[in-house]
Amino acid sequence: MLDIRLIERGLEKPGKTKGGLAAAMGVRPGAVSEILSGLRLIKASEIAPIIEYLELNSVPIMGRVGAGASIEPEHEQVPPEGLGEVELPFPIAEETIAFEVAGDSMLPKYENGDIIVVYREQRHPLSSFYGEEAAVRLKTGERYLKTIERGKSSTSVNLTSFNAKPITGVKLEWIGEICVTLPRGQIERLRNKAAARSRKATRAAGGRTPDK
């Protein structure tokens, strides 16, 4: 069952309305308000159109994260809305962003072209990430996908990879906790599936009889 907070968050997106959601679900306009107030349950058949209309499974791709060479965000020219979106095979509750993995220093776990989805805001203190893989941004601006290890001081860390020399004694500006990893092969399948849905919807719209 979908969390009501997910629907509320989706309705805050530009262009998303209760009336539009009701139309997508094929229900009367008041049904959405009843769902939000707890007076009506969501039917199983309504979950997919809710997710699709509100784009609850879409995550913006905000650039690349280096598994090997560093990625300097100011050189990427990434627009505020990102470079596009990736659709997950399920809705996601938290505010998240995605990065494309660039490089091979984290093989075999992460390959060049994989997508990692991370929480937009750092949710835990630095010490809780020791020994954990994460997307990180250094104080100097570079962005990496690395394993975070304790440094010589409480404010510095060492960044390690499977197949590259460690980066030692650096300070972090931000840690993106990984919540989902999408292999590049799965990404292609998801994009092909989304494209097929779009073509089907376009054909269905073209075949409608105009209202008289």
N, C-alpha and C. Protein backbone atom coordinates (compact mmCIF):
# COMPACT_ATOMS: atom_id res chain seq x y z
N MET A 1 0.84 -1.19 0.00
CA MET A 1 0.00 0.00 0.00
C MET A 1 0.88 1.24 0.00
N LEU A 2 0.46 2.25 -0.75
CA LEU A 2 1.22 3.49 -0.81
C LEU A 2 1.02 4.32 0.45
N ASP A 3 2.10 4.93 0.91
CA ASP A 3 2.02 5.84 2.04
C ASP A 3 1.37 7.14 1.58
N ILE A 4 0.43 7.64 2.37
CA ILE A 4 -0.26 8.89 2.01
C ILE A 4 0.73 10.03 1.86
N ARG A 5 1.81 10.02 2.64
CA ARG A 5 2.80 11.08 2.55
C ARG A 5 3.47 11.10 1.18
N LEU A 6 3.61 9.92 0.56
CA LEU A 6 4.14 9.87 -0.79
C LEU A 6 3.24 10.61 -1.77
N ILE A 7 1.94 10.40 -1.64
CA ILE A 7 0.98 11.06 -2.53
C ILE A 7 0.99 12.56 -2.28
N GLU A 8 1.02 12.96 -1.03
CA GLU A 8 1.06 14.39 -0.71
C GLU A 8 2.30 15.04 -1.29
N ARG A 9 3.44 14.35 -1.19
CA ARG A 9 4.68 14.90 -1.74
C ARG A 9 4.60 14.99 -3.26
N GLY A 10 3.98 13.99 -3.88
CA GLY A 10 3.84 14.02 -5.33
C GLY A 10 2.96 15.15 -5.81
N LEU A 11 1.92 15.47 -5.05
CA LEU A 11 1.01 16.54 -5.44
C LEU A 11 1.63 17.93 -5.29
N GLU A 12 2.76 18.01 -4.59
CA GLU A 12 3.47 19.29 -4.47
C GLU A 12 4.31 19.61 -5.69
N LYS A 13 4.50 18.63 -6.57
CA LYS A 13 5.30 18.86 -7.77
C LYS A 13 4.56 19.78 -8.73
N PRO A 14 5.30 20.59 -9.49
CA PRO A 14 4.66 21.49 -10.46
C PRO A 14 3.79 20.72 -11.45
N GLY A 15 2.58 21.22 -11.67
CA GLY A 15 1.69 20.62 -12.65
C GLY A 15 0.88 19.44 -12.16
N LYS A 16 1.11 19.01 -10.92
CA LYS A 16 0.37 17.86 -10.38
C LYS A 16 -0.78 18.36 -9.52
N THR A 17 -1.98 17.87 -9.81
CA THR A 17 -3.17 18.32 -9.09
C THR A 17 -4.02 17.12 -8.67
N LYS A 18 -4.91 17.37 -7.74
CA LYS A 18 -5.83 16.32 -7.32
C LYS A 18 -6.73 15.91 -8.48
N GLY A 19 -7.17 16.91 -9.26
CA GLY A 19 -8.03 16.60 -10.40
C GLY A 19 -7.31 15.76 -11.44
N GLY A 20 -6.05 16.11 -11.71
CA GLY A 20 -5.27 15.33 -12.66
C GLY A 20 -5.03 13.92 -12.18
N LEU A 21 -4.79 13.78 -10.86
CA LEU A 21 -4.58 12.45 -10.30
C LEU A 21 -5.85 11.62 -10.39
N ALA A 22 -6.99 12.25 -10.09
CA ALA A 22 -8.26 11.54 -10.16
C ALA A 22 -8.51 11.04 -11.58
N ALA A 23 -8.21 11.88 -12.58
CA ALA A 23 -8.40 11.49 -13.98
C ALA A 23 -7.50 10.31 -14.34
N ALA A 24 -6.25 10.36 -13.86
CA ALA A 24 -5.31 9.27 -14.14
C ALA A 24 -5.78 7.96 -13.50
N MET A 25 -6.41 8.06 -12.34
CA MET A 25 -6.90 6.88 -11.64
C MET A 25 -8.24 6.40 -12.18
N GLY A 26 -8.94 7.29 -12.91
CA GLY A 26 -10.26 6.93 -13.41
C GLY A 26 -11.33 6.98 -12.35
N VAL A 27 -11.19 7.92 -11.40
CA VAL A 27 -12.16 8.04 -10.31
C VAL A 27 -12.73 9.45 -10.29
N ARG A 28 -13.80 9.65 -9.52
CA ARG A 28 -14.38 10.99 -9.39
C ARG A 28 -13.41 11.89 -8.62
N PRO A 29 -13.43 13.21 -8.85
CA PRO A 29 -12.46 14.13 -8.24
C PRO A 29 -12.37 14.05 -6.73
N GLY A 30 -13.52 13.86 -6.06
CA GLY A 30 -13.51 13.85 -4.60
C GLY A 30 -12.81 12.64 -3.99
N ALA A 31 -12.57 11.61 -4.79
CA ALA A 31 -11.97 10.37 -4.26
C ALA A 31 -10.55 10.61 -3.77
N VAL A 32 -9.81 11.50 -4.43
CA VAL A 32 -8.43 11.77 -4.01
C VAL A 32 -8.42 12.42 -2.63
N SER A 33 -9.31 13.38 -2.41
CA SER A 33 -9.39 14.03 -1.09
C SER A 33 -9.77 13.02 -0.01
N GLU A 34 -10.63 12.09 -0.35
CA GLU A 34 -11.04 11.05 0.61
C GLU A 34 -9.85 10.15 0.96
N ILE A 35 -9.02 9.84 -0.04
CA ILE A 35 -7.83 9.02 0.21
C ILE A 35 -6.88 9.76 1.14
N LEU A 36 -6.66 11.04 0.86
CA LEU A 36 -5.72 11.83 1.67
C LEU A 36 -6.20 12.02 3.11
N SER A 37 -7.50 12.03 3.30
CA SER A 37 -8.05 12.21 4.65
C SER A 37 -8.27 10.89 5.38
N GLY A 38 -8.00 9.77 4.71
CA GLY A 38 -8.16 8.47 5.34
C GLY A 38 -9.54 7.89 5.27
N LEU A 39 -10.44 8.51 4.50
CA LEU A 39 -11.81 8.03 4.40
C LEU A 39 -11.97 6.93 3.34
N ARG A 40 -10.98 6.80 2.49
CA ARG A 40 -11.06 5.82 1.40
C ARG A 40 -9.71 5.13 1.25
N LEU A 41 -9.73 3.83 1.02
CA LEU A 41 -8.50 3.07 0.80
C LEU A 41 -8.14 3.07 -0.69
N ILE A 42 -6.86 2.93 -0.96
CA ILE A 42 -6.39 2.84 -2.34
C ILE A 42 -6.57 1.41 -2.83
N LYS A 43 -7.17 1.24 -3.99
CA LYS A 43 -7.33 -0.08 -4.56
C LYS A 43 -6.03 -0.52 -5.22
N ALA A 44 -5.83 -1.82 -5.27
CA ALA A 44 -4.59 -2.35 -5.86
C ALA A 44 -4.42 -1.88 -7.30
N SER A 45 -5.52 -1.80 -8.03
CA SER A 45 -5.46 -1.40 -9.44
C SER A 45 -5.13 0.08 -9.62
N GLU A 46 -5.21 0.86 -8.53
CA GLU A 46 -4.97 2.30 -8.62
C GLU A 46 -3.52 2.67 -8.30
N ILE A 47 -2.75 1.71 -7.77
CA ILE A 47 -1.38 2.02 -7.34
C ILE A 47 -0.51 2.44 -8.53
N ALA A 48 -0.55 1.66 -9.62
CA ALA A 48 0.29 1.96 -10.78
C ALA A 48 0.00 3.33 -11.39
N PRO A 49 -1.29 3.69 -11.63
CA PRO A 49 -1.54 5.02 -12.19
C PRO A 49 -1.15 6.16 -11.24
N ILE A 50 -1.24 5.93 -9.92
CA ILE A 50 -0.81 6.96 -8.96
C ILE A 50 0.69 7.18 -9.08
N ILE A 51 1.44 6.08 -9.09
CA ILE A 51 2.90 6.17 -9.18
C ILE A 51 3.31 6.85 -10.49
N GLU A 52 2.65 6.47 -11.58
CA GLU A 52 3.02 7.02 -12.89
C GLU A 52 2.68 8.51 -12.99
N TYR A 53 1.46 8.89 -12.56
CA TYR A 53 1.06 10.30 -12.69
C TYR A 53 1.90 11.21 -11.80
N LEU A 54 2.14 10.79 -10.56
CA LEU A 54 2.88 11.63 -9.62
C LEU A 54 4.39 11.45 -9.73
N GLU A 55 4.81 10.52 -10.60
CA GLU A 55 6.24 10.28 -10.82
C GLU A 55 6.95 9.98 -9.50
N LEU A 56 6.35 9.09 -8.72
CA LEU A 56 6.89 8.76 -7.40
C LEU A 56 8.14 7.90 -7.48
N ASN A 57 8.41 7.35 -8.67
CA ASN A 57 9.60 6.51 -8.82
C ASN A 57 10.67 7.17 -9.68
N SER A 58 10.52 8.47 -9.97
CA SER A 58 11.49 9.18 -10.81
C SER A 58 12.50 9.92 -9.94
N VAL A 59 13.78 9.75 -10.26
CA VAL A 59 14.86 10.39 -9.50
C VAL A 59 15.74 11.17 -10.48
N PRO A 60 16.03 12.46 -10.21
CA PRO A 60 16.88 13.23 -11.12
C PRO A 60 18.33 12.78 -11.07
N ILE A 61 18.96 12.71 -12.23
CA ILE A 61 20.39 12.38 -12.32
C ILE A 61 21.17 13.69 -12.28
N MET A 62 21.95 13.86 -11.22
CA MET A 62 22.61 15.14 -10.96
C MET A 62 24.08 15.16 -11.39
N GLY A 63 24.44 14.28 -12.32
CA GLY A 63 25.82 14.29 -12.80
C GLY A 63 26.49 12.95 -12.58
N ARG A 64 27.82 12.99 -12.55
CA ARG A 64 28.59 11.77 -12.39
C ARG A 64 29.31 11.76 -11.05
N VAL A 65 29.64 10.57 -10.60
CA VAL A 65 30.42 10.41 -9.37
C VAL A 65 31.60 9.52 -9.71
N GLY A 66 32.81 9.97 -9.34
CA GLY A 66 34.01 9.31 -9.80
C GLY A 66 34.39 8.07 -9.03
N ALA A 67 34.47 6.96 -9.74
CA ALA A 67 35.04 5.74 -9.16
C ALA A 67 36.38 5.56 -9.88
N GLY A 68 37.35 6.38 -9.51
CA GLY A 68 38.61 6.45 -10.21
C GLY A 68 39.00 7.91 -10.32
N ALA A 69 38.86 8.48 -11.49
CA ALA A 69 39.15 9.91 -11.67
C ALA A 69 38.14 10.76 -10.91
N SER A 70 38.59 11.91 -10.43
CA SER A 70 37.69 12.79 -9.69
C SER A 70 36.73 13.48 -10.66
N ILE A 71 35.55 13.79 -10.16
CA ILE A 71 34.56 14.55 -10.92
C ILE A 71 34.40 15.91 -10.24
N GLU A 72 34.69 16.97 -10.97
CA GLU A 72 34.56 18.31 -10.41
C GLU A 72 33.26 18.92 -10.92
N PRO A 73 32.28 19.11 -10.03
CA PRO A 73 30.94 19.54 -10.45
C PRO A 73 30.93 20.81 -11.29
N GLU A 74 31.82 21.76 -10.99
CA GLU A 74 31.77 23.02 -11.72
C GLU A 74 32.15 22.85 -13.19
N HIS A 75 32.76 21.72 -13.54
CA HIS A 75 33.14 21.46 -14.92
C HIS A 75 32.07 20.67 -15.67
N GLU A 76 31.05 20.23 -14.97
CA GLU A 76 30.02 19.40 -15.61
C GLU A 76 28.92 20.21 -16.26
N GLN A 77 28.72 21.45 -15.80
CA GLN A 77 27.64 22.28 -16.32
C GLN A 77 26.29 21.59 -16.16
N VAL A 78 26.04 21.07 -14.97
CA VAL A 78 24.77 20.38 -14.70
C VAL A 78 23.70 21.40 -14.35
N PRO A 79 22.57 21.43 -15.07
CA PRO A 79 21.49 22.36 -14.73
C PRO A 79 20.85 21.99 -13.39
N PRO A 80 20.18 22.93 -12.73
CA PRO A 80 19.58 22.66 -11.42
C PRO A 80 18.64 21.47 -11.40
N GLU A 81 17.95 21.23 -12.52
CA GLU A 81 17.00 20.12 -12.56
C GLU A 81 17.67 18.79 -12.89
N GLY A 82 18.98 18.82 -13.15
CA GLY A 82 19.70 17.59 -13.42
C GLY A 82 19.84 17.31 -14.91
N LEU A 83 20.40 16.16 -15.22
CA LEU A 83 20.66 15.77 -16.61
C LEU A 83 19.58 14.87 -17.18
N GLY A 84 18.52 14.68 -16.46
CA GLY A 84 17.47 13.74 -16.85
C GLY A 84 17.00 13.00 -15.62
N GLU A 85 16.26 11.96 -15.84
CA GLU A 85 15.72 11.18 -14.73
C GLU A 85 15.92 9.69 -14.98
N VAL A 86 15.92 8.96 -13.89
CA VAL A 86 15.89 7.50 -13.97
C VAL A 86 14.66 7.04 -13.20
N GLU A 87 13.93 6.10 -13.78
CA GLU A 87 12.73 5.57 -13.13
C GLU A 87 13.09 4.29 -12.39
N LEU A 88 12.80 4.27 -11.11
CA LEU A 88 13.03 3.08 -10.30
C LEU A 88 11.86 2.11 -10.49
N PRO A 89 12.07 0.83 -10.22
CA PRO A 89 10.98 -0.14 -10.35
C PRO A 89 10.02 -0.11 -9.15
N PHE A 90 10.11 0.92 -8.32
CA PHE A 90 9.26 1.04 -7.13
C PHE A 90 9.27 2.50 -6.69
N PRO A 91 8.25 2.95 -5.95
CA PRO A 91 8.26 4.32 -5.43
C PRO A 91 9.27 4.45 -4.30
N ILE A 92 9.80 5.65 -4.12
CA ILE A 92 10.78 5.87 -3.07
C ILE A 92 10.32 7.03 -2.21
N ALA A 93 10.40 6.86 -0.89
CA ALA A 93 9.78 7.79 0.03
C ALA A 93 10.60 9.04 0.30
N GLU A 94 11.91 8.91 0.35
CA GLU A 94 12.75 10.02 0.76
C GLU A 94 13.16 10.88 -0.43
N GLU A 95 13.64 12.10 -0.13
CA GLU A 95 14.17 12.98 -1.17
C GLU A 95 15.51 12.43 -1.64
N THR A 96 15.57 12.04 -2.90
CA THR A 96 16.77 11.38 -3.40
C THR A 96 17.22 12.00 -4.71
N ILE A 97 18.50 11.77 -5.02
CA ILE A 97 19.07 12.17 -6.29
C ILE A 97 19.93 11.00 -6.79
N ALA A 98 20.29 11.05 -8.06
CA ALA A 98 21.06 9.94 -8.64
C ALA A 98 22.33 10.47 -9.29
N PHE A 99 23.34 9.59 -9.37
CA PHE A 99 24.59 9.88 -10.05
C PHE A 99 24.97 8.68 -10.92
N GLU A 100 25.60 8.98 -12.05
CA GLU A 100 26.15 7.93 -12.89
C GLU A 100 27.59 7.65 -12.47
N VAL A 101 27.93 6.40 -12.29
CA VAL A 101 29.28 6.01 -11.89
C VAL A 101 30.22 6.16 -13.08
N ALA A 102 31.33 6.85 -12.87
CA ALA A 102 32.32 7.06 -13.92
C ALA A 102 33.66 6.50 -13.44
N GLY A 103 34.17 5.48 -14.14
CA GLY A 103 35.44 4.87 -13.76
C GLY A 103 35.27 3.44 -13.32
N ASP A 104 36.39 2.78 -13.05
CA ASP A 104 36.35 1.35 -12.74
C ASP A 104 37.07 0.99 -11.44
N SER A 105 37.37 1.98 -10.59
CA SER A 105 38.13 1.67 -9.38
C SER A 105 37.31 0.92 -8.34
N MET A 106 35.98 0.87 -8.52
CA MET A 106 35.12 0.16 -7.56
C MET A 106 34.64 -1.18 -8.11
N LEU A 107 35.24 -1.64 -9.22
CA LEU A 107 34.93 -2.99 -9.70
C LEU A 107 35.36 -4.02 -8.65
N PRO A 108 34.64 -5.12 -8.49
CA PRO A 108 33.52 -5.59 -9.32
C PRO A 108 32.14 -5.15 -8.83
N LYS A 109 32.07 -4.39 -7.75
CA LYS A 109 30.76 -4.05 -7.19
C LYS A 109 30.05 -2.98 -8.01
N TYR A 110 30.79 -1.98 -8.47
CA TYR A 110 30.20 -0.90 -9.26
C TYR A 110 30.94 -0.80 -10.59
N GLU A 111 30.17 -0.76 -11.68
CA GLU A 111 30.76 -0.66 -13.00
C GLU A 111 30.52 0.72 -13.58
N ASN A 112 31.38 1.10 -14.51
CA ASN A 112 31.21 2.35 -15.24
C ASN A 112 29.83 2.35 -15.91
N GLY A 113 29.03 3.39 -15.67
CA GLY A 113 27.69 3.47 -16.25
C GLY A 113 26.58 3.04 -15.32
N ASP A 114 26.90 2.43 -14.18
CA ASP A 114 25.88 2.13 -13.18
C ASP A 114 25.30 3.43 -12.64
N ILE A 115 24.12 3.35 -12.07
CA ILE A 115 23.50 4.51 -11.41
C ILE A 115 23.36 4.22 -9.93
N ILE A 116 23.80 5.17 -9.09
CA ILE A 116 23.54 5.04 -7.66
C ILE A 116 22.54 6.13 -7.26
N VAL A 117 21.58 5.75 -6.44
CA VAL A 117 20.60 6.69 -5.91
C VAL A 117 20.95 6.94 -4.45
N VAL A 118 21.11 8.21 -4.10
CA VAL A 118 21.53 8.57 -2.74
C VAL A 118 20.55 9.57 -2.14
N TYR A 119 20.58 9.67 -0.83
CA TYR A 119 19.77 10.68 -0.16
C TYR A 119 20.38 12.06 -0.39
N ARG A 120 19.52 13.01 -0.75
CA ARG A 120 20.00 14.35 -1.11
C ARG A 120 20.70 15.03 0.07
N GLU A 121 20.17 14.86 1.26
CA GLU A 121 20.74 15.47 2.45
C GLU A 121 21.47 14.41 3.28
N GLN A 122 22.58 14.79 3.86
CA GLN A 122 23.31 13.87 4.75
C GLN A 122 22.51 13.67 6.02
N ARG A 123 22.19 12.43 6.34
CA ARG A 123 21.27 12.15 7.44
C ARG A 123 21.96 11.70 8.72
N HIS A 124 23.26 11.38 8.66
CA HIS A 124 23.95 10.85 9.83
C HIS A 124 25.33 11.50 9.96
N PRO A 125 25.92 11.48 11.15
CA PRO A 125 27.24 12.08 11.33
C PRO A 125 28.32 11.28 10.60
N LEU A 126 29.45 11.94 10.37
CA LEU A 126 30.56 11.33 9.64
C LEU A 126 30.97 9.98 10.20
N SER A 127 31.08 9.89 11.52
CA SER A 127 31.59 8.66 12.14
C SER A 127 30.74 7.44 11.82
N SER A 128 29.47 7.63 11.53
CA SER A 128 28.59 6.48 11.26
C SER A 128 28.84 5.88 9.88
N PHE A 129 29.63 6.56 9.04
CA PHE A 129 29.89 6.08 7.68
C PHE A 129 31.23 5.36 7.55
N TYR A 130 32.00 5.25 8.64
CA TYR A 130 33.30 4.58 8.54
C TYR A 130 33.11 3.13 8.08
N GLY A 131 33.86 2.74 7.05
CA GLY A 131 33.75 1.40 6.50
C GLY A 131 32.63 1.22 5.50
N GLU A 132 31.95 2.31 5.16
CA GLU A 132 30.79 2.22 4.27
C GLU A 132 31.08 2.93 2.95
N GLU A 133 30.53 2.37 1.87
CA GLU A 133 30.64 3.02 0.56
C GLU A 133 29.60 4.12 0.46
N ALA A 134 29.98 5.23 -0.16
CA ALA A 134 29.07 6.36 -0.29
C ALA A 134 29.56 7.29 -1.39
N ALA A 135 28.66 8.12 -1.87
CA ALA A 135 29.06 9.23 -2.73
C ALA A 135 29.50 10.35 -1.80
N VAL A 136 30.63 10.98 -2.11
CA VAL A 136 31.14 12.04 -1.24
C VAL A 136 31.55 13.24 -2.08
N ARG A 137 31.47 14.41 -1.47
CA ARG A 137 32.01 15.64 -2.07
C ARG A 137 33.03 16.22 -1.11
N LEU A 138 34.23 16.43 -1.60
CA LEU A 138 35.29 16.97 -0.77
C LEU A 138 35.10 18.47 -0.56
N LYS A 139 35.76 18.99 0.46
CA LYS A 139 35.74 20.43 0.70
C LYS A 139 36.26 21.19 -0.51
N THR A 140 37.17 20.54 -1.26
CA THR A 140 37.76 21.16 -2.44
C THR A 140 36.90 20.98 -3.70
N GLY A 141 35.75 20.30 -3.58
CA GLY A 141 34.78 20.23 -4.66
C GLY A 141 34.70 18.93 -5.42
N GLU A 142 35.76 18.10 -5.40
CA GLU A 142 35.72 16.86 -6.17
C GLU A 142 34.67 15.90 -5.60
N ARG A 143 34.13 15.07 -6.50
CA ARG A 143 33.09 14.13 -6.09
C ARG A 143 33.53 12.71 -6.43
N TYR A 144 33.36 11.80 -5.47
CA TYR A 144 33.81 10.43 -5.64
C TYR A 144 32.77 9.44 -5.15
N LEU A 145 32.92 8.21 -5.62
CA LEU A 145 32.26 7.05 -5.03
C LEU A 145 33.37 6.22 -4.39
N LYS A 146 33.42 6.19 -3.06
CA LYS A 146 34.52 5.56 -2.36
C LYS A 146 34.03 4.92 -1.06
N THR A 147 34.91 4.13 -0.44
CA THR A 147 34.67 3.65 0.92
C THR A 147 35.32 4.63 1.88
N ILE A 148 34.57 5.06 2.89
CA ILE A 148 35.04 6.05 3.84
C ILE A 148 35.73 5.36 5.02
N GLU A 149 36.97 5.74 5.28
CA GLU A 149 37.72 5.18 6.40
C GLU A 149 38.15 6.32 7.33
N ARG A 150 38.30 5.98 8.60
CA ARG A 150 38.69 6.97 9.60
C ARG A 150 40.07 7.56 9.24
N GLY A 151 40.20 8.89 9.36
CA GLY A 151 41.47 9.56 9.11
C GLY A 151 42.26 9.75 10.40
N LYS A 152 43.32 10.53 10.30
CA LYS A 152 44.17 10.77 11.47
C LYS A 152 43.50 11.69 12.48
N SER A 153 42.57 12.51 12.03
CA SER A 153 41.84 13.39 12.95
C SER A 153 40.35 13.10 12.84
N SER A 154 39.57 13.68 13.73
CA SER A 154 38.12 13.42 13.74
C SER A 154 37.41 14.08 12.57
N THR A 155 38.08 15.01 11.89
CA THR A 155 37.43 15.72 10.78
C THR A 155 37.97 15.30 9.41
N SER A 156 38.98 14.43 9.38
CA SER A 156 39.54 14.00 8.10
C SER A 156 39.27 12.51 7.89
N VAL A 157 39.27 12.11 6.62
CA VAL A 157 39.01 10.71 6.29
C VAL A 157 39.99 10.24 5.21
N ASN A 158 40.05 8.95 5.07
CA ASN A 158 40.73 8.32 3.95
C ASN A 158 39.67 7.68 3.07
N LEU A 159 39.82 7.83 1.76
CA LEU A 159 38.87 7.27 0.81
C LEU A 159 39.55 6.13 0.07
N THR A 160 38.95 4.95 0.14
CA THR A 160 39.57 3.78 -0.47
C THR A 160 38.70 3.19 -1.56
N SER A 161 39.34 2.46 -2.48
CA SER A 161 38.66 1.79 -3.59
C SER A 161 39.17 0.36 -3.68
N PHE A 162 38.49 -0.45 -4.48
CA PHE A 162 38.95 -1.81 -4.70
C PHE A 162 40.20 -1.84 -5.58
N ASN A 163 40.27 -0.91 -6.55
CA ASN A 163 41.30 -0.99 -7.57
C ASN A 163 42.05 0.33 -7.78
N ALA A 164 42.24 1.11 -6.72
CA ALA A 164 42.97 2.38 -6.85
C ALA A 164 43.63 2.71 -5.52
N LYS A 165 44.64 3.57 -5.59
CA LYS A 165 45.32 3.98 -4.38
C LYS A 165 44.38 4.82 -3.52
N PRO A 166 44.51 4.72 -2.19
CA PRO A 166 43.65 5.50 -1.31
C PRO A 166 43.94 7.00 -1.41
N ILE A 167 42.90 7.78 -1.16
CA ILE A 167 43.04 9.24 -1.05
C ILE A 167 43.02 9.54 0.45
N THR A 168 44.09 10.04 0.97
CA THR A 168 44.23 10.15 2.42
C THR A 168 44.15 11.59 2.91
N GLY A 169 43.66 11.72 4.15
CA GLY A 169 43.69 13.00 4.85
C GLY A 169 42.85 14.10 4.21
N VAL A 170 41.67 13.76 3.71
CA VAL A 170 40.81 14.78 3.08
C VAL A 170 39.60 15.06 3.98
N LYS A 171 39.00 16.22 3.76
CA LYS A 171 37.81 16.61 4.51
C LYS A 171 36.61 16.63 3.59
N LEU A 172 35.47 16.18 4.12
CA LEU A 172 34.27 16.03 3.31
C LEU A 172 33.29 17.16 3.55
N GLU A 173 32.68 17.60 2.45
CA GLU A 173 31.62 18.61 2.50
C GLU A 173 30.25 17.96 2.63
N TRP A 174 30.13 16.77 2.03
CA TRP A 174 28.83 16.10 1.96
C TRP A 174 29.02 14.61 1.76
N ILE A 175 28.13 13.83 2.36
CA ILE A 175 28.11 12.38 2.17
C ILE A 175 26.73 11.98 1.67
N GLY A 176 26.69 11.33 0.52
CA GLY A 176 25.43 10.85 -0.03
C GLY A 176 25.26 9.37 0.27
N GLU A 177 24.43 9.09 1.22
CA GLU A 177 24.19 7.70 1.63
C GLU A 177 23.48 6.94 0.50
N ILE A 178 24.03 5.82 0.09
CA ILE A 178 23.47 5.05 -1.02
C ILE A 178 22.24 4.27 -0.55
N CYS A 179 21.13 4.42 -1.28
CA CYS A 179 19.93 3.65 -0.93
C CYS A 179 19.55 2.66 -2.02
N VAL A 180 19.96 2.91 -3.27
CA VAL A 180 19.65 2.00 -4.37
C VAL A 180 20.80 2.02 -5.36
N THR A 181 21.16 0.87 -5.89
CA THR A 181 22.13 0.77 -6.97
C THR A 181 21.47 0.10 -8.17
N LEU A 182 21.59 0.73 -9.34
CA LEU A 182 21.01 0.18 -10.55
C LEU A 182 22.12 -0.15 -11.55
N PRO A 183 22.36 -1.43 -11.82
CA PRO A 183 23.35 -1.79 -12.85
C PRO A 183 22.94 -1.23 -14.20
N ARG A 184 23.92 -0.91 -15.04
CA ARG A 184 23.61 -0.25 -16.32
C ARG A 184 22.70 -1.10 -17.20
N GLY A 185 22.81 -2.44 -17.11
CA GLY A 185 21.93 -3.30 -17.89
C GLY A 185 20.48 -3.15 -17.46
N GLN A 186 20.26 -3.03 -16.16
CA GLN A 186 18.90 -2.85 -15.65
C GLN A 186 18.35 -1.49 -16.04
N ILE A 187 19.22 -0.48 -16.07
CA ILE A 187 18.80 0.87 -16.45
C ILE A 187 18.26 0.86 -17.87
N GLU A 188 18.95 0.17 -18.77
CA GLU A 188 18.50 0.10 -20.16
C GLU A 188 17.14 -0.59 -20.26
N ARG A 189 16.96 -1.65 -19.48
CA ARG A 189 15.68 -2.36 -19.52
C ARG A 189 14.56 -1.47 -18.99
N LEU A 190 14.83 -0.72 -17.92
CA LEU A 190 13.82 0.18 -17.36
C LEU A 190 13.47 1.29 -18.34
N ARG A 191 14.49 1.83 -19.02
CA ARG A 191 14.24 2.90 -19.99
C ARG A 191 13.46 2.38 -21.19
N ASN A 192 13.77 1.18 -21.63
CA ASN A 192 13.02 0.59 -22.74
C ASN A 192 11.57 0.35 -22.35
N LYS A 193 11.36 -0.08 -21.11
CA LYS A 193 10.00 -0.32 -20.63
C LYS A 193 9.22 0.99 -20.56
N ALA A 194 9.88 2.06 -20.07
CA ALA A 194 9.23 3.37 -19.98
C ALA A 194 8.90 3.89 -21.37
N ALA A 195 9.81 3.70 -22.33
CA ALA A 195 9.56 4.14 -23.70
C ALA A 195 8.39 3.39 -24.31
N ALA A 196 8.29 2.10 -24.02
CA ALA A 196 7.19 1.30 -24.54
C ALA A 196 5.86 1.78 -23.96
N ARG A 197 5.86 2.12 -22.66
CA ARG A 197 4.63 2.66 -22.05
C ARG A 197 4.23 3.96 -22.70
N SER A 198 5.23 4.82 -22.98
CA SER A 198 4.95 6.11 -23.60
C SER A 198 4.36 5.94 -24.99
N ARG A 199 4.92 5.01 -25.77
CA ARG A 199 4.39 4.76 -27.11
C ARG A 199 2.97 4.22 -27.04
N LYS A 200 2.71 3.34 -26.07
CA LYS A 200 1.37 2.77 -25.92
C LYS A 200 0.37 3.85 -25.56
N ALA A 201 0.78 4.76 -24.64
CA ALA A 201 -0.11 5.84 -24.23
C ALA A 201 -0.39 6.79 -25.39
N THR A 202 0.63 7.04 -26.22
CA THR A 202 0.46 7.92 -27.37
C THR A 202 -0.51 7.31 -28.37
N ARG A 203 -0.37 6.00 -28.62
CA ARG A 203 -1.28 5.33 -29.55
C ARG A 203 -2.71 5.35 -29.02
N ALA A 204 -2.85 5.13 -27.69
CA ALA A 204 -4.18 5.12 -27.09
C ALA A 204 -4.83 6.49 -27.19
N ALA A 205 -4.04 7.53 -26.96
CA ALA A 205 -4.57 8.90 -27.05
C ALA A 205 -4.98 9.23 -28.48
N GLY A 206 -4.19 8.75 -29.44
CA GLY A 206 -4.50 9.03 -30.84
C GLY A 206 -5.72 8.30 -31.33
N GLY A 207 -6.09 7.23 -30.64
CA GLY A 207 -7.23 6.44 -31.09
C GLY A 207 -8.53 6.82 -30.43
N ARG A 208 -8.50 7.84 -29.55
CA ARG A 208 -9.74 8.23 -28.86
C ARG A 208 -10.69 8.95 -29.82
N THR A 209 -11.96 8.73 -29.59
CA THR A 209 -12.98 9.44 -30.35
C THR A 209 -13.23 10.79 -29.72
N PRO A 210 -13.16 11.90 -30.48
CA PRO A 210 -13.37 13.23 -29.90
C PRO A 210 -14.74 13.33 -29.27
N ASP A 211 -14.83 14.06 -28.15
CA ASP A 211 -16.11 14.26 -27.48
C ASP A 211 -17.03 15.10 -28.36
N LYS A 212 -18.28 14.74 -28.36
CA LYS A 212 -19.27 15.49 -29.13
C LYS A 212 -20.11 16.36 -28.20
